[in-house]
Structures are given as structure tokens and as C-alpha cells.
Amino acid sequence: MVTGGLLEKVLQAGDFAGFSAGWQRGDVVPTGFGPLDRLLPAGGVRRGGLVEWLSGSEAAGAATLASAVACRLAEERGRAGDAAATIVVVDRTGRFHPPAVLGWLERGRAGGRPPARLVVARPAHDADEVWAIDQALRCRGVAAVLAWPGRIHSTAMRRWQLAARASLAVGMFMRPLTASREPSWAEARIAVTAQPGGSLSVRRLRLSLAGGPWASHVQAHERAVEIGLDLARGCAAAAGHLPSVQPFPMPCIFEREQMACRAS
């Protein structure tokens, strides 16, 4: 764990400077969750982009899902030739729960690949948080950056977008549902809602398309899916754990006229 003041030294270390030619601009990485990939028009997470995960509460599971996808990105980066891809967590208020990602990190180790390096930064102020996210996204050895920013100034997010494009890292931001009404440079906005059932090791989530430059091109029946997270094994839960769920229209809170997205 590092504080905001030490983050620059950590990111400048040689272990974080590696960059593989196999990690190409515009490449799409499967998230490891088939329904989520089908929800995303690109068929997965595009390298060098930003994703917003919107939820009504901190217990909805958005951070767990984002962490799982970040581990998947790091795993794919390791396959591309990097010795050890890095995930940077910018956690100003102590929301990050490390055990939530252990299953996915251990899965990569069991596969014989170098485990992803996890760096947690604790900025003290809003300005430090904005700076830490920016610096982490600029580092070519970073596969993904997770953060919980509050209200984001459009200029700051535009800088993050450009930083991610240059390094091919992916920025993942956990935000409240009300953020759907704010302008955004994110390529994708996904609303995450916890579902009843499951078990101590399996979480059930419903994911809804909540905006993005491609939102108007997606059919209504493709706007929501349900997935399961097997926390113990670090993978998607088996289909038998999840009941059949029919696709449903978007909630009214995400009507198109209420959304604004500037991603390009």
C-alpha cells in the first residue's frame, strides 16, 4: 500500500515500465463473463478506455465485478508478454476490500503466469485523488486503475481518457446511480444491481446498459443481463447457480434524455 505522495516513485520503478508489443491499441479483452461481453457492443472491454460502474449502494457488487474484470485485464496483459501486469487501486476513503479480488489473483497464479501486482494508493484530498488516477493511467505497466471518484470535473475525466489512450490502461470508476446524469468521457456505463439468492461465495448481479456513445444503437432486449460471481474460485458462477432471467427494458432513471456522454 502506498500513499498519494509515494505513488509517483512507485509508478516510476522499473518493474512498472514494461510494455509488450502484444498489447495493441483498440484490442478488446473478454471480461470473463459472457453475458457482460454481450452487453458491451465491443464484445468486451476495450484497452485504453474508461468504464463507469454505477450502483445505488456500496454493497451492490460493482467494485467486486470491476475488480474481477481488472484481474482479467492483468491476466491478458501477462499473456501478451509482460512480466507482471499491475492493477492500481486509488482508494481515498477505504472502500477497497482486498479479499474480493483474491480468487481472481490466485487463479492467475495457478495458471502458471506471474500474478498481477496490486498497488493501493490512499490520497488524502480530492486534488491528490485526481492526480493519482491521472498518473496511474499514464503508466504503461498498468493494466487497470480502479477508483471511487465523487463528482468529476469534465476536464479531469478528459485528461484520464487521453492518459488511458496513451498507455492502453483501462480506467474503472465506481460511481453512484445519480452520476448517470453527468457528462462523461467513458466508453461504457454499466448499472450494477445486487440480486437475492446466491450464497456466501456466489454473488448474483443484474447489469443494465446505462449509457455510452453507442447506447442508441443497442436494442432494448440487449440492455440488461444477469451474471454470477464465484468469489472463491475467481470465475463466473456456473449457470446452475442462476435462475433463468428474461431481459427487461432499461429503468426509467436511465432514459436517454437524462444521459450525457462525450466519449470519442
Protein backbone atom coordinates (compact mmCIF):
# COMPACT_ATOMS: atom_id res chain seq x y z
CA MET A 1 0.00 0.00 0.00
CA VAL A 2 1.24 3.48 -0.81
CA THR A 3 0.08 6.97 -0.01
CA GLY A 4 -0.56 9.60 -2.65
CA GLY A 5 2.86 11.15 -2.05
CA LEU A 6 4.66 7.87 -2.75
CA LEU A 7 2.67 6.85 -5.81
CA GLU A 8 4.93 8.68 -8.25
CA LYS A 9 8.03 6.85 -7.01
CA VAL A 10 6.24 3.51 -7.18
CA LEU A 11 5.00 4.04 -10.74
CA GLN A 12 8.43 5.18 -11.88
CA ALA A 13 10.05 1.97 -10.66
CA GLY A 14 11.43 -0.27 -13.36
CA ASP A 15 9.02 -3.11 -12.57
CA PHE A 16 6.14 -0.95 -13.81
CA ALA A 17 7.75 0.29 -17.01
CA GLY A 18 7.35 -2.87 -19.10
CA PHE A 19 5.26 -2.69 -22.26
CA SER A 20 4.52 -5.55 -24.59
CA ALA A 21 4.02 -5.20 -28.33
CA GLY A 22 1.18 -7.71 -27.97
CA TRP A 23 -0.91 -5.13 -26.09
CA GLN A 24 -2.32 -3.18 -29.02
CA ARG A 25 -4.46 -0.07 -29.23
CA GLY A 26 -8.11 -0.87 -29.84
CA ASP A 27 -7.82 -4.52 -28.78
CA VAL A 28 -10.80 -5.89 -26.87
CA VAL A 29 -10.38 -8.16 -23.84
CA PRO A 30 -13.22 -10.54 -22.83
CA THR A 31 -14.33 -9.82 -19.27
CA GLY A 32 -14.69 -13.49 -18.33
CA PHE A 33 -18.46 -13.02 -18.06
CA GLY A 34 -20.21 -13.97 -21.28
CA PRO A 35 -23.44 -12.02 -20.63
CA LEU A 36 -21.45 -8.88 -19.81
CA ASP A 37 -19.44 -9.24 -23.02
CA ARG A 38 -22.69 -9.49 -24.96
CA LEU A 39 -23.96 -6.36 -23.24
CA LEU A 40 -20.88 -4.41 -24.29
CA PRO A 41 -21.04 -3.55 -28.02
CA ALA A 42 -17.30 -4.16 -28.43
CA GLY A 43 -17.72 -7.69 -27.07
CA GLY A 44 -15.58 -6.94 -24.03
CA VAL A 45 -13.50 -4.12 -22.52
CA ARG A 46 -11.54 -2.05 -24.99
CA ARG A 47 -7.94 -1.33 -23.99
CA GLY A 48 -7.19 2.32 -23.47
CA GLY A 49 -10.72 3.26 -22.42
CA LEU A 50 -12.77 4.21 -19.37
CA VAL A 51 -15.68 2.31 -17.83
CA GLU A 52 -18.11 3.57 -15.19
CA TRP A 53 -19.86 1.10 -12.90
CA LEU A 54 -22.97 2.72 -11.41
CA SER A 55 -24.76 1.41 -8.34
CA GLY A 56 -27.24 2.51 -5.71
CA SER A 57 -25.12 1.35 -2.76
CA GLU A 58 -21.58 0.28 -1.95
CA ALA A 59 -22.84 -3.26 -1.27
CA ALA A 60 -24.30 -3.69 -4.77
CA GLY A 61 -21.25 -5.57 -6.02
CA ALA A 62 -19.97 -3.03 -8.56
CA ALA A 63 -16.49 -2.90 -7.02
CA THR A 64 -16.23 -6.70 -6.89
CA LEU A 65 -17.20 -7.01 -10.54
CA ALA A 66 -14.84 -4.21 -11.59
CA SER A 67 -12.02 -5.88 -9.63
CA ALA A 68 -12.71 -9.20 -11.35
CA VAL A 69 -12.58 -7.54 -14.77
CA ALA A 70 -9.38 -5.71 -13.80
CA CYS A 71 -7.77 -9.05 -12.88
CA ARG A 72 -8.83 -10.40 -16.25
CA LEU A 73 -7.18 -7.45 -17.98
CA ALA A 74 -3.98 -8.04 -15.99
CA GLU A 75 -4.10 -11.74 -16.87
CA GLU A 76 -4.38 -10.99 -20.58
CA ARG A 77 -1.57 -8.47 -20.34
CA GLY A 78 0.60 -11.13 -18.75
CA ARG A 79 -0.13 -13.44 -21.66
CA ALA A 80 0.96 -10.67 -24.03
CA GLY A 81 4.45 -10.89 -22.55
CA ASP A 82 4.62 -8.50 -19.60
CA ALA A 83 6.41 -10.00 -16.61
CA ALA A 84 3.79 -8.82 -14.13
CA ALA A 85 0.91 -6.55 -15.05
CA THR A 86 -0.18 -4.08 -12.39
CA ILE A 87 -3.58 -3.09 -11.01
CA VAL A 88 -3.63 0.28 -9.24
CA VAL A 89 -6.43 0.95 -6.75
CA VAL A 90 -6.90 4.63 -5.87
CA ASP A 91 -8.88 4.31 -2.66
CA ARG A 92 -9.25 7.57 -0.79
CA THR A 93 -11.98 6.50 1.67
CA GLY A 94 -11.05 2.89 2.40
CA ARG A 95 -13.76 1.25 0.28
CA PHE A 96 -11.50 -1.35 -1.30
CA HIS A 97 -11.80 -4.85 0.17
CA PRO A 98 -8.73 -6.90 -0.91
CA PRO A 99 -10.31 -10.35 -0.24
CA ALA A 100 -12.81 -9.57 -3.00
CA VAL A 101 -10.08 -10.00 -5.62
CA LEU A 102 -8.03 -12.83 -4.09
CA GLY A 103 -9.87 -15.53 -6.01
CA TRP A 104 -9.08 -13.90 -9.34
CA LEU A 105 -5.47 -13.15 -8.41
CA GLU A 106 -4.88 -16.74 -7.26
CA ARG A 107 -6.45 -18.07 -10.43
CA GLY A 108 -3.74 -16.38 -12.48
CA ARG A 109 -1.04 -17.79 -10.20
CA ALA A 110 -2.50 -21.31 -10.54
CA GLY A 111 -2.30 -20.99 -14.31
CA GLY A 112 1.47 -20.67 -14.12
CA ARG A 113 1.50 -16.98 -15.06
CA PRO A 114 3.12 -14.22 -13.00
CA PRO A 115 0.50 -12.93 -10.55
CA ALA A 116 -0.77 -9.42 -11.09
CA ARG A 117 0.80 -6.79 -8.88
CA LEU A 118 -1.73 -4.92 -6.74
CA VAL A 119 -0.90 -1.35 -5.67
CA VAL A 120 -3.27 0.55 -3.36
CA ALA A 121 -2.88 4.34 -3.16
CA ARG A 122 -4.52 6.36 -0.36
CA PRO A 123 -4.73 10.01 -1.50
CA ALA A 124 -5.62 12.48 1.22
CA HIS A 125 -7.53 15.11 -0.80
CA ASP A 126 -9.69 15.43 -3.90
CA ALA A 127 -6.82 17.01 -5.84
CA ASP A 128 -4.49 14.18 -4.84
CA GLU A 129 -7.08 11.63 -5.95
CA VAL A 130 -7.46 13.25 -9.38
CA TRP A 131 -3.67 13.39 -9.75
CA ALA A 132 -3.17 9.78 -8.61
CA ILE A 133 -5.70 8.46 -11.12
CA ASP A 134 -4.09 10.51 -13.88
CA GLN A 135 -0.57 9.31 -13.07
CA ALA A 136 -1.59 5.67 -12.75
CA LEU A 137 -3.41 5.75 -16.10
CA ARG A 138 -0.29 7.16 -17.77
CA CYS A 139 1.87 4.22 -16.69
CA ARG A 140 2.36 1.64 -19.45
CA GLY A 141 2.92 -1.16 -16.96
CA VAL A 142 -0.58 -0.71 -15.53
CA ALA A 143 -3.39 -2.91 -16.85
CA ALA A 144 -6.25 -1.25 -14.94
CA VAL A 145 -6.95 1.56 -12.48
CA LEU A 146 -9.84 1.26 -10.02
CA ALA A 147 -11.17 4.31 -8.19
CA TRP A 148 -14.24 5.76 -6.45
CA PRO A 149 -14.21 9.41 -7.54
CA GLY A 150 -17.09 11.63 -6.48
CA ARG A 151 -18.31 14.35 -8.77
CA ILE A 152 -15.79 14.51 -11.61
CA HIS A 153 -14.97 17.68 -13.49
CA SER A 154 -15.27 17.04 -17.23
CA THR A 155 -11.75 18.35 -17.81
CA ALA A 156 -10.28 15.85 -15.34
CA MET A 157 -12.07 12.93 -16.96
CA ARG A 158 -10.96 14.06 -20.40
CA ARG A 159 -7.35 14.00 -19.14
CA TRP A 160 -7.92 10.49 -17.81
CA GLN A 161 -9.31 9.41 -21.16
CA LEU A 162 -6.28 10.73 -23.02
CA ALA A 163 -3.92 9.16 -20.47
CA ALA A 164 -5.61 5.78 -20.86
CA ARG A 165 -5.42 6.00 -24.65
CA ALA A 166 -1.70 6.69 -24.50
CA SER A 167 -0.83 3.84 -22.10
CA LEU A 168 -3.64 1.40 -23.06
CA ALA A 169 -4.57 1.01 -19.40
CA VAL A 170 -8.27 0.80 -18.56
CA GLY A 171 -9.84 3.15 -16.02
CA MET A 172 -12.70 1.69 -13.97
CA PHE A 173 -14.68 4.04 -11.78
CA MET A 174 -17.32 3.07 -9.21
CA ARG A 175 -19.94 5.82 -9.04
CA PRO A 176 -23.48 6.38 -7.72
CA LEU A 177 -26.52 5.96 -9.96
CA THR A 178 -27.06 9.72 -9.97
CA ALA A 179 -23.79 10.12 -11.89
CA SER A 180 -25.63 8.88 -14.99
CA ARG A 181 -26.91 12.44 -15.44
CA GLU A 182 -23.40 13.90 -15.51
CA PRO A 183 -21.34 14.33 -18.69
CA SER A 184 -18.78 11.57 -19.14
CA TRP A 185 -15.89 10.56 -21.37
CA ALA A 186 -16.36 6.88 -20.52
CA GLU A 187 -16.86 4.39 -23.33
CA ALA A 188 -19.30 2.38 -21.25
CA ARG A 189 -21.61 2.97 -18.31
CA ILE A 190 -22.99 -0.14 -16.63
CA ALA A 191 -25.54 -0.07 -13.80
CA VAL A 192 -24.99 -2.86 -11.25
CA THR A 193 -27.79 -4.14 -9.00
CA ALA A 194 -27.43 -6.89 -6.42
CA GLN A 195 -29.90 -9.76 -6.75
CA PRO A 196 -31.26 -12.03 -3.99
CA GLY A 197 -30.13 -15.61 -3.72
CA GLY A 198 -26.66 -16.94 -4.27
CA SER A 199 -24.50 -17.95 -1.32
CA LEU A 200 -21.54 -16.80 0.74
CA SER A 201 -19.22 -17.44 -2.19
CA VAL A 202 -21.54 -16.63 -5.10
CA ARG A 203 -22.95 -13.19 -5.83
CA ARG A 204 -25.76 -12.57 -8.28
CA LEU A 205 -25.79 -9.27 -10.14
CA ARG A 206 -28.04 -7.67 -12.71
CA LEU A 207 -26.24 -5.42 -15.19
CA SER A 208 -28.00 -2.74 -17.20
CA LEU A 209 -26.75 -0.61 -20.05
CA ALA A 210 -26.70 2.89 -18.59
CA GLY A 211 -25.12 4.97 -21.32
CA GLY A 212 -22.23 5.43 -23.70
CA PRO A 213 -21.75 6.77 -27.21
CA TRP A 214 -23.23 3.52 -28.55
CA ALA A 215 -26.35 3.42 -26.35
CA SER A 216 -28.77 4.49 -29.07
CA HIS A 217 -27.63 1.59 -31.31
CA VAL A 218 -28.39 -1.16 -28.79
CA GLN A 219 -31.76 -2.89 -28.89
CA ALA A 220 -33.95 -2.77 -25.77
CA HIS A 221 -33.75 -6.55 -25.22
CA GLU A 222 -29.95 -6.32 -25.06
CA ARG A 223 -29.92 -3.68 -22.33
CA ALA A 224 -29.81 -5.97 -19.27
CA VAL A 225 -28.27 -9.29 -18.27
CA GLU A 226 -27.68 -11.27 -15.11
CA ILE A 227 -24.38 -12.83 -14.03
CA GLY A 228 -22.94 -14.70 -11.09
CA LEU A 229 -19.55 -14.18 -9.44
CA ASP A 230 -17.86 -17.17 -7.82
CA LEU A 231 -15.70 -15.35 -5.28
CA ALA A 232 -13.90 -18.46 -4.06
CA ARG A 233 -12.78 -19.74 -7.46
CA GLY A 234 -12.34 -16.36 -9.15
CA CYS A 235 -14.60 -17.01 -12.12
CA ALA A 236 -18.15 -16.69 -13.41
CA ALA A 237 -20.59 -18.81 -11.42
CA ALA A 238 -21.92 -21.90 -13.14
CA ALA A 239 -25.22 -21.43 -14.92
CA GLY A 240 -26.87 -23.83 -12.48
CA HIS A 241 -26.45 -21.30 -9.69
CA LEU A 242 -28.54 -18.73 -11.51
CA PRO A 243 -32.23 -18.92 -12.41
CA SER A 244 -33.31 -18.03 -15.90
CA VAL A 245 -33.95 -14.29 -16.17
CA GLN A 246 -35.77 -12.69 -19.04
CA PRO A 247 -34.25 -9.48 -20.46
CA PHE A 248 -36.09 -6.37 -19.37
CA PRO A 249 -36.21 -2.75 -20.54
CA MET A 250 -33.98 -0.11 -19.03
CA PRO A 251 -35.19 1.55 -15.80
CA CYS A 252 -36.66 4.97 -16.35
CA ILE A 253 -33.79 6.62 -14.45
CA PHE A 254 -31.61 5.91 -17.46
CA GLU A 255 -33.87 7.36 -20.13
CA ARG A 256 -31.74 8.66 -22.96
CA GLU A 257 -32.61 12.31 -22.44
CA GLN A 258 -31.19 12.11 -18.92
CA MET A 259 -27.78 10.87 -20.06
CA ALA A 260 -24.81 12.73 -21.43
CA CYS A 261 -21.66 11.09 -22.73
CA ARG A 262 -18.75 12.69 -24.55
CA ALA A 263 -16.56 9.67 -25.23
CA SER A 264 -14.95 9.74 -28.64
